[in-house]
Protein backbone atom coordinates (compact mmCIF):
# COMPACT_ATOMS: atom_id res chain seq x y z
CA MET A 1 124.48 100.01 59.82
CA ILE A 2 127.50 99.87 62.12
CA ARG A 3 130.33 97.49 61.31
CA GLY A 4 132.12 95.51 64.01
CA TYR A 5 135.14 93.20 63.95
CA VAL A 6 135.83 90.10 66.04
CA GLY A 7 139.23 88.62 66.87
CA THR A 8 139.22 84.87 67.53
CA TYR A 9 141.16 81.79 68.48
CA THR A 10 141.62 79.56 65.43
CA ASN A 11 142.20 76.30 67.31
CA GLY A 12 138.58 75.36 66.52
CA ASP A 13 136.39 76.27 63.56
CA SER A 14 137.47 79.89 63.26
CA GLN A 15 139.17 81.12 60.09
CA GLY A 16 140.54 84.39 61.52
CA ILE A 17 138.99 87.85 61.86
CA TYR A 18 135.22 88.19 61.40
CA SER A 19 133.01 91.19 60.74
CA PHE A 20 129.33 91.80 61.46
CA GLU A 21 126.70 94.48 60.93
CA LEU A 22 124.71 96.05 63.77
CA ASP A 23 121.47 97.73 62.76
CA PRO A 24 120.82 100.28 65.53
CA SER A 25 117.30 101.01 64.27
CA VAL A 26 116.10 97.51 65.18
CA GLY A 27 118.84 96.34 67.56
CA LYS A 28 120.02 93.31 65.61
CA ILE A 29 123.35 91.83 64.48
CA THR A 30 123.52 90.26 61.01
CA ASP A 31 125.95 89.40 58.21
CA VAL A 32 128.64 87.64 60.25
CA LYS A 33 131.49 86.64 57.91
CA ALA A 34 135.23 86.00 57.84
CA VAL A 35 137.15 88.97 56.42
CA ALA A 36 140.80 88.00 57.03
CA MET A 37 142.32 84.51 57.19
CA LEU A 38 145.08 84.21 59.80
CA ASP A 39 145.98 82.23 62.91
CA ASN A 40 144.93 83.38 66.39
CA PRO A 41 144.08 87.05 65.75
CA THR A 42 142.80 87.20 69.30
CA TYR A 43 143.06 90.93 69.96
CA LEU A 44 142.46 93.84 67.61
CA ASN A 45 142.60 97.61 67.59
CA ILE A 46 141.41 100.09 64.98
CA THR A 47 142.72 103.58 64.21
CA GLU A 48 140.45 106.52 64.94
CA ASN A 49 140.07 107.31 61.21
CA HIS A 50 138.96 103.68 60.62
CA ARG A 51 141.56 103.20 57.87
CA PHE A 52 143.71 100.56 59.57
CA LEU A 53 143.25 97.57 61.86
CA TYR A 54 146.08 96.01 63.86
CA SER A 55 145.94 92.47 65.18
CA VAL A 56 148.07 89.99 67.06
CA ILE A 57 148.98 87.05 64.83
CA LYS A 58 150.49 83.56 64.99
CA SER A 59 152.24 81.78 62.13
CA ASN A 60 153.83 78.38 62.66
CA GLU A 61 156.38 78.86 65.46
CA GLU A 62 156.32 82.66 65.32
CA GLY A 63 154.09 85.38 66.70
CA GLY A 64 153.75 89.12 66.27
CA VAL A 65 151.57 91.96 65.04
CA ALA A 66 149.91 92.44 61.64
CA GLY A 67 148.49 95.56 60.00
CA PHE A 68 145.47 95.63 57.68
CA SER A 69 143.79 98.27 55.58
CA ILE A 70 139.99 98.43 55.90
CA ASP A 71 137.88 98.62 52.75
CA GLN A 72 135.44 101.39 53.64
CA HIS A 73 132.64 99.90 51.52
CA SER A 74 132.86 96.15 51.99
CA GLY A 75 134.65 96.06 55.35
CA LYS A 76 137.10 93.50 54.03
CA LEU A 77 140.65 93.57 55.33
CA GLU A 78 143.79 93.59 53.20
CA ARG A 79 147.03 92.71 54.94
CA ILE A 80 149.68 95.43 54.73
CA ASN A 81 152.58 93.76 56.52
CA MET A 82 153.50 92.07 59.79
CA ASP A 83 156.40 91.79 62.19
CA MET A 84 157.06 88.29 63.49
CA GLU A 85 159.44 86.88 66.08
CA VAL A 86 160.16 83.30 67.14
CA GLY A 87 157.90 82.21 70.01
CA SER A 88 154.33 82.61 71.16
CA PRO A 89 152.21 85.50 69.85
CA PRO A 90 151.17 88.48 71.98
CA CYS A 91 147.73 88.67 73.63
CA HIS A 92 147.06 92.41 73.30
CA VAL A 93 147.69 95.26 70.87
CA SER A 94 147.10 99.00 71.39
CA LEU A 95 147.81 102.28 69.63
CA ASP A 96 149.45 105.64 70.26
CA GLU A 97 148.27 107.61 67.25
CA LYS A 98 149.85 110.84 68.47
CA ARG A 99 153.31 109.36 67.92
CA GLY A 100 152.39 106.73 65.35
CA LEU A 101 153.09 103.69 67.54
CA VAL A 102 151.71 100.22 68.14
CA PHE A 103 152.29 98.32 71.40
CA SER A 104 151.94 94.61 72.01
CA ALA A 105 151.80 92.74 75.32
CA ASN A 106 152.95 89.13 75.36
CA TYR A 107 151.51 86.87 78.06
CA HIS A 108 153.83 83.95 77.31
CA LYS A 109 157.06 85.93 77.01
CA GLY A 110 156.36 88.53 79.71
CA THR A 111 157.24 91.36 77.34
CA VAL A 112 155.88 94.66 76.07
CA VAL A 113 157.02 95.74 72.60
CA SER A 114 156.72 99.04 70.74
CA TYR A 115 156.65 99.46 66.95
CA ARG A 116 156.46 102.51 64.73
CA ILE A 117 153.69 102.67 62.13
CA ASN A 118 153.56 104.68 58.95
CA GLN A 119 150.35 106.64 59.37
CA GLU A 120 150.01 107.12 55.61
CA ASN A 121 150.15 103.48 54.54
CA GLY A 122 149.80 101.62 57.87
CA ARG A 123 153.06 99.66 57.67
CA ILE A 124 154.57 98.34 60.90
CA SER A 125 158.28 98.72 61.63
CA SER A 126 160.51 96.22 63.35
CA PRO A 127 160.44 96.53 67.18
CA VAL A 128 161.75 99.79 68.65
CA SER A 129 161.74 98.73 72.32
CA VAL A 130 161.39 95.28 73.87
CA VAL A 131 161.00 95.28 77.66
CA LYS A 132 161.02 91.93 79.43
CA HIS A 133 159.55 91.58 82.92
CA GLU A 134 160.84 89.22 85.59
CA GLY A 135 159.11 87.88 88.67
CA SER A 136 156.31 85.63 89.88
CA GLY A 137 153.34 85.49 92.25
CA PRO A 138 151.72 83.11 94.73
CA ASP A 139 149.05 81.75 92.38
CA PRO A 140 150.11 78.58 90.49
CA ARG A 141 149.43 80.47 87.24
CA GLN A 142 151.95 83.13 88.28
CA GLU A 143 155.04 80.97 87.87
CA LYS A 144 156.66 83.75 85.81
CA ALA A 145 155.88 87.13 84.29
CA HIS A 146 152.72 87.20 82.15
CA THR A 147 152.30 90.64 80.55
CA HIS A 148 148.66 91.04 79.58
CA PHE A 149 147.78 94.60 78.59
CA ALA A 150 149.20 98.01 77.68
CA THR A 151 147.53 101.38 77.16
CA MET A 152 148.50 105.04 76.97
CA THR A 153 147.67 107.39 79.85
CA PRO A 154 145.25 110.30 79.17
CA ASP A 155 148.14 112.79 79.22
CA GLN A 156 149.74 110.75 76.39
CA ASP A 157 153.09 110.76 78.19
CA TYR A 158 153.16 107.23 79.57
CA LEU A 159 152.35 103.62 78.73
CA VAL A 160 150.67 101.61 81.51
CA VAL A 161 151.28 97.85 81.48
CA CYS A 162 149.38 95.19 83.45
CA GLU A 163 151.76 92.44 84.60
CA LEU A 164 149.44 89.60 85.57
CA GLY A 165 152.18 87.16 86.56
CA CYS A 166 153.92 89.48 89.02
CA ASP A 167 151.00 91.50 90.45
CA LEU A 168 152.49 94.73 89.15
CA LEU A 169 151.32 97.78 87.26
CA PHE A 170 154.22 99.32 85.31
CA THR A 171 154.40 102.86 83.95
CA TYR A 172 156.80 103.63 81.09
CA GLU A 173 157.73 107.00 79.69
CA VAL A 174 157.22 106.90 75.91
CA LYS A 175 159.74 108.71 73.73
CA ASP A 176 158.63 110.10 70.38
CA ASN A 177 160.54 107.32 68.61
CA GLY A 178 158.80 104.62 70.67
CA GLU A 179 161.52 103.91 73.20
CA LEU A 180 160.23 102.90 76.64
CA LYS A 181 161.72 103.86 80.02
CA GLU A 182 160.26 102.64 83.31
CA VAL A 183 159.27 105.44 85.69
CA HIS A 184 157.02 103.70 88.24
CA ARG A 185 155.60 100.38 89.37
CA LEU A 186 152.68 99.68 91.68
CA SER A 187 152.40 96.39 93.56
CA VAL A 188 148.79 95.23 93.86
CA PRO A 189 147.67 92.49 96.29
CA ALA A 190 149.61 89.25 95.87
CA GLY A 191 147.81 86.69 93.75
CA SER A 192 145.28 89.16 92.35
CA GLY A 193 146.55 89.07 88.75
CA PRO A 194 146.08 92.56 87.21
CA ARG A 195 144.66 92.05 83.70
CA HIS A 196 143.11 95.14 82.04
CA LEU A 197 142.71 98.83 82.90
CA VAL A 198 140.65 101.85 81.83
CA PHE A 199 140.91 105.53 82.70
CA HIS A 200 137.97 107.72 83.62
CA PRO A 201 137.27 109.65 80.37
CA ARG A 202 136.48 112.93 82.15
CA ASP A 203 138.74 112.73 85.19
CA PRO A 204 142.27 111.59 84.25
CA SER A 205 143.19 111.26 87.93
CA VAL A 206 141.07 108.08 88.21
CA ALA A 207 141.58 104.63 86.66
CA TYR A 208 139.93 101.24 87.07
CA LEU A 209 141.86 97.95 87.12
CA VAL A 210 140.31 94.49 86.81
CA THR A 211 142.14 91.52 88.37
CA GLU A 212 141.82 88.09 86.81
CA PHE A 213 142.49 85.82 89.80
CA SER A 214 140.83 87.74 92.64
CA SER A 215 137.97 88.90 90.37
CA GLU A 216 138.08 92.46 91.65
CA VAL A 217 137.80 95.95 90.29
CA ILE A 218 140.37 98.25 91.91
CA VAL A 219 139.84 102.00 91.80
CA LEU A 220 143.17 103.79 91.37
CA SER A 221 144.30 107.38 91.69
CA TYR A 222 146.69 108.59 88.99
CA ALA A 223 149.07 111.55 88.66
CA GLY A 224 152.30 112.06 86.76
CA GLY A 225 152.77 108.42 85.83
CA LYS A 226 152.12 107.12 89.36
CA PHE A 227 149.20 105.10 90.71
CA ALA A 228 147.80 104.37 94.17
CA GLU A 229 144.99 102.07 95.30
CA VAL A 230 141.76 103.70 96.49
CA GLN A 231 138.96 101.11 96.55
CA HIS A 232 138.44 97.36 95.99
CA LEU A 233 135.15 95.77 94.88
CA SER A 234 134.32 92.17 93.97
CA ALA A 235 133.15 91.57 90.42
CA VAL A 236 131.32 88.37 91.46
CA PRO A 237 128.85 87.67 94.29
CA GLU A 238 130.45 86.95 97.66
CA ASP A 239 128.87 83.49 97.80
CA PHE A 240 130.10 82.45 94.34
CA ALA A 241 132.61 79.66 95.10
CA GLU A 242 133.25 78.25 91.61
CA ASN A 243 136.10 79.16 89.30
CA ASN A 244 135.93 82.71 87.98
CA GLN A 245 138.48 84.69 86.00
CA ALA A 246 137.64 88.34 85.45
CA SER A 247 138.28 89.41 81.87
CA ALA A 248 137.74 92.85 80.33
CA ILE A 249 136.85 96.24 81.78
CA HIS A 250 135.30 99.21 79.94
CA ILE A 251 133.75 102.54 80.90
CA SER A 252 131.06 104.68 79.29
CA SER A 253 132.27 107.89 77.65
CA ASP A 254 130.38 110.04 80.17
CA GLY A 255 132.30 108.32 82.98
CA ARG A 256 129.14 107.26 84.80
CA PHE A 257 129.33 103.47 84.48
CA VAL A 258 132.06 100.82 84.58
CA TYR A 259 131.53 97.32 83.16
CA ALA A 260 133.62 94.25 84.06
CA GLY A 261 133.43 90.77 82.52
CA ASN A 262 133.36 87.52 84.51
CA ARG A 263 134.45 84.22 82.95
CA GLY A 264 133.02 81.40 85.04
CA HIS A 265 130.20 83.37 86.61
CA ASN A 266 129.51 84.25 82.95
CA SER A 267 128.29 87.74 83.60
CA ILE A 268 129.02 91.42 83.21
CA ALA A 269 129.17 93.39 86.44
CA ILE A 270 127.85 96.95 86.18
CA PHE A 271 129.12 99.65 88.55
CA SER A 272 127.98 103.24 88.89
CA VAL A 273 130.67 105.91 89.34
CA GLU A 274 130.44 108.45 92.15
CA GLU A 275 130.85 111.81 90.45
CA GLN A 276 133.00 113.54 93.08
CA THR A 277 135.39 110.71 94.01
CA GLY A 278 135.30 108.28 91.09
CA ASN A 279 134.55 105.43 93.52
CA LEU A 280 132.23 102.62 92.44
CA GLN A 281 129.00 101.06 93.60
CA LEU A 282 127.56 97.82 92.21
CA VAL A 283 124.40 98.23 90.13
CA GLU A 284 123.80 94.65 88.99
CA ARG A 285 125.31 91.63 87.25
CA VAL A 286 123.87 90.47 83.94
CA ALA A 287 124.29 86.96 82.49
CA THR A 288 126.02 86.84 79.11
CA GLU A 289 123.87 83.94 77.88
CA GLY A 290 126.96 81.89 77.05
CA ASP A 291 130.22 80.53 78.38
CA TRP A 292 133.43 82.44 79.15
CA PRO A 293 132.81 86.09 78.16
CA ARG A 294 136.31 87.05 77.10
CA ASP A 295 135.59 90.65 76.15
CA PHE A 296 132.81 93.07 75.24
CA VAL A 297 132.41 96.50 73.68
CA LEU A 298 130.02 99.45 73.63
CA ASP A 299 128.89 100.57 70.18
CA PRO A 300 129.96 104.10 69.10
CA ALA A 301 126.69 105.67 70.30
CA GLU A 302 126.81 103.53 73.47
CA LYS A 303 123.20 102.40 73.01
CA PHE A 304 124.28 98.76 72.77
CA LEU A 305 126.82 96.37 74.27
CA VAL A 306 128.19 93.32 72.45
CA ALA A 307 129.86 90.55 74.47
CA SER A 308 131.91 87.61 73.15
CA ASN A 309 131.41 84.18 74.73
CA GLN A 310 134.60 82.33 73.82
CA ASN A 311 133.76 78.76 74.86
CA SER A 312 130.21 78.77 73.50
CA SER A 313 131.28 80.47 70.22
CA SER A 314 128.70 83.21 70.39
CA LEU A 315 128.14 86.93 70.53
CA VAL A 316 125.33 88.43 72.59
CA LEU A 317 123.72 91.83 72.05
CA PHE A 318 122.29 94.01 74.82
CA ALA A 319 120.50 97.35 74.75
CA ARG A 320 122.07 99.81 77.18
CA ASP A 321 120.20 102.39 79.25
CA ALA A 322 122.39 105.50 79.36
CA GLU A 323 120.68 106.79 82.52
CA THR A 324 120.88 103.63 84.65
CA GLY A 325 123.75 101.81 82.94
CA MET A 326 121.65 98.65 82.91
CA LEU A 327 121.57 96.10 80.09
CA THR A 328 118.60 94.41 78.42
CA LEU A 329 119.06 91.27 76.32
CA LEU A 330 118.18 91.73 72.65
CA GLN A 331 119.87 88.87 70.79
CA LYS A 332 121.89 85.82 71.81
CA ASP A 333 123.55 82.81 70.18
CA ILE A 334 125.00 84.88 67.34
CA GLU A 335 127.46 82.34 65.96
CA VAL A 336 131.12 83.34 65.79
CA PRO A 337 133.69 80.58 66.47
CA ASN A 338 135.90 81.12 69.54
CA PRO A 339 135.44 84.90 69.76
CA VAL A 340 137.81 86.93 71.95
CA CYS A 341 137.84 90.66 71.18
CA VAL A 342 135.17 92.87 69.60
CA LYS A 343 135.83 96.32 68.14
CA PHE A 344 133.73 98.80 66.16
């Protein structure tokens, strides 16, 4: 059995963070249950040793980041501590385990925040750096900065931040103590809304950016903290005229396939990666059998993909063909209220 965790919105029936079991021998998800009660733990991340889980959190008029220890037998979560500030909670949390850091991105505040973590007991410090972005874009939803995502570069020297509200990709040098210093910014097409990013796992000079408003995947070149645009592809069909907001983007560990989520078209777009250049070619789009696929994840062996349909309160399980990248539906309508993020 493989254990997964689901972050949710708790403005409906959800109680907080849920867990589930995936049986890879039969390709089935079972034993969905709440394992931590908290408000709006929408995004999660788990340490490589599986000892700790970090989540965004809301409490009354405050928001921040919470740390949990993971019971290795039951999968239950025990809260270690949290750091809270007045205002809306962040929308994303990521890790730099080399330095012992947690980063949060706050859509509402337009900020990226770094915290130190004690790698022995998992405790989170008060903020080390708080960087606030300023600006706007042409889309009505870009009335101000809306920081959406942060991740470390493969060389572990820089933090890359997607600024959805300003159509910018920021790069920050990360000091060992967690301090952040801007070293570069890339302007992407106005109104595109950069949302999430992944690096090619075998070629650190290539990255893939998904844009929420223009529903594109942008292939980027990367070197020394700097990015440049290489290729643009639509995540939705050209004749799709209804509302779509691209969501998450992930890549297989062999670097051969990129997957991008579409909220509205309610699909996952699959792209094959050209080995020499890193450029993409569309393979197919697969329906997620639900409404508003907010995120998805490959299981550790990458034989399966689990997607979270936020508005229809369901998970969906696909089998994944490692040679073609294609997905085959195995199980749908797995009930989880208002799911957002899935992690194994």
